[in-house]
């Protein structure tokens, strides 16, 4: 694999780690409403991620405002992992598996 590809993968992994660390330290707000998530990541991706069970919609307990919320760390992790998947060419992934 090229050095640039490895550098991009490491960069994304660090980004995921930073988001998780900031959340663990309580420096970021963990709760993201469904409408916020769809605005940030797009309605299609949120629906796809929920369908694949990569993210979980947690009940808010307040039907008047929003039915579900998401955890920011889950959203950021899935988004970052998809970025990594897009960085690595598919033929490189299959070469490593076989």
Protein backbone atom coordinates (compact mmCIF):
# COMPACT_ATOMS: atom_id res chain seq x y z
CA UNK A 1 0.00 0.00 0.00
CA UNK A 2 1.19 3.50 -0.72
CA UNK A 3 2.53 5.65 2.10
CA UNK A 4 -0.11 8.30 1.36
CA UNK A 5 -2.92 5.76 1.82
CA UNK A 6 -1.47 4.57 5.13
CA UNK A 7 -1.08 8.19 6.25
CA UNK A 8 -4.76 8.89 5.44
CA UNK A 9 -5.89 5.78 7.33
CA UNK A 10 -3.85 6.74 10.41
CA UNK A 11 -5.18 10.30 10.21
CA UNK A 12 -8.81 9.07 10.19
CA UNK A 13 -8.08 6.65 13.06
CA UNK A 14 -6.64 9.51 15.11
CA UNK A 15 -9.70 11.63 14.32
CA UNK A 16 -12.01 8.87 15.58
CA UNK A 17 -9.89 8.54 18.73
CA UNK A 18 -9.98 12.28 19.36
CA UNK A 19 -13.79 12.35 19.15
CA UNK A 20 -14.07 9.42 21.56
CA UNK A 21 -11.54 10.95 23.98
CA UNK A 22 -13.27 14.34 24.01
CA UNK A 23 -16.55 12.60 24.74
CA UNK A 24 -15.04 10.48 27.52
CA UNK A 25 -13.68 13.66 29.11
CA UNK A 26 -17.12 15.25 28.90
CA UNK A 27 -15.93 18.02 26.59
CA UNK A 28 -18.45 17.29 23.83
CA UNK A 29 -22.17 16.81 23.98
CA UNK A 30 -22.93 13.14 23.34
CA UNK A 31 -26.62 13.39 22.40
CA UNK A 32 -27.53 14.18 18.79
CA UNK A 33 -31.20 14.40 17.84
CA UNK A 34 -32.44 12.54 14.79
CA UNK A 35 -32.96 15.77 12.85
CA UNK A 36 -29.47 17.01 13.75
CA UNK A 37 -27.93 13.70 12.67
CA UNK A 38 -29.77 13.77 9.35
CA UNK A 39 -28.67 17.37 8.79
CA UNK A 40 -25.00 16.56 9.53
CA UNK A 41 -24.64 13.17 7.83
CA UNK A 42 -27.61 13.11 5.46
CA UNK A 43 -30.93 11.34 5.71
CA UNK A 44 -29.87 8.51 3.38
CA UNK A 45 -26.77 7.63 5.41
CA UNK A 46 -28.58 7.73 8.76
CA UNK A 47 -31.31 5.44 7.42
CA UNK A 48 -28.72 3.09 5.88
CA UNK A 49 -26.64 2.95 9.07
CA UNK A 50 -29.73 2.22 11.16
CA UNK A 51 -30.87 -0.47 8.72
CA UNK A 52 -27.42 -2.12 8.91
CA UNK A 53 -27.51 -1.68 12.72
CA UNK A 54 -24.26 0.26 12.72
CA UNK A 55 -25.93 2.92 14.88
CA UNK A 56 -28.74 2.70 17.39
CA UNK A 57 -31.62 5.11 17.83
CA UNK A 58 -32.21 5.49 21.56
CA UNK A 59 -35.72 6.48 22.73
CA UNK A 60 -35.91 10.00 24.15
CA UNK A 61 -38.93 9.42 26.33
CA UNK A 62 -40.40 12.68 25.01
CA UNK A 63 -42.63 11.97 22.01
CA UNK A 64 -43.46 15.67 21.57
CA UNK A 65 -39.90 16.68 20.67
CA UNK A 66 -38.12 13.74 19.10
CA UNK A 67 -38.66 9.99 19.12
CA UNK A 68 -35.00 8.97 19.11
CA UNK A 69 -31.53 10.35 19.63
CA UNK A 70 -28.11 9.06 18.61
CA UNK A 71 -24.76 8.98 20.35
CA UNK A 72 -22.22 11.27 18.73
CA UNK A 73 -19.39 8.76 19.27
CA UNK A 74 -21.29 6.09 17.32
CA UNK A 75 -21.99 8.49 14.46
CA UNK A 76 -18.40 9.75 14.30
CA UNK A 77 -16.98 6.21 14.44
CA UNK A 78 -19.19 4.94 11.62
CA UNK A 79 -18.48 8.02 9.52
CA UNK A 80 -14.73 7.68 10.07
CA UNK A 81 -14.73 3.97 9.29
CA UNK A 82 -16.57 4.63 6.02
CA UNK A 83 -13.96 7.26 5.17
CA UNK A 84 -11.22 4.69 5.79
CA UNK A 85 -13.05 2.15 3.66
CA UNK A 86 -13.22 4.70 0.84
CA UNK A 87 -9.49 5.45 1.12
CA UNK A 88 -8.39 1.84 0.65
CA UNK A 89 -8.94 0.55 -2.88
CA UNK A 90 -11.21 -2.52 -2.95
CA UNK A 91 -8.62 -4.63 -4.74
CA UNK A 92 -6.15 -3.99 -1.89
CA UNK A 93 -8.68 -5.23 0.68
CA UNK A 94 -9.35 -8.42 -1.24
CA UNK A 95 -5.63 -9.03 -1.87
CA UNK A 96 -5.02 -9.01 1.89
CA UNK A 97 -7.92 -11.39 2.61
CA UNK A 98 -6.97 -14.07 0.06
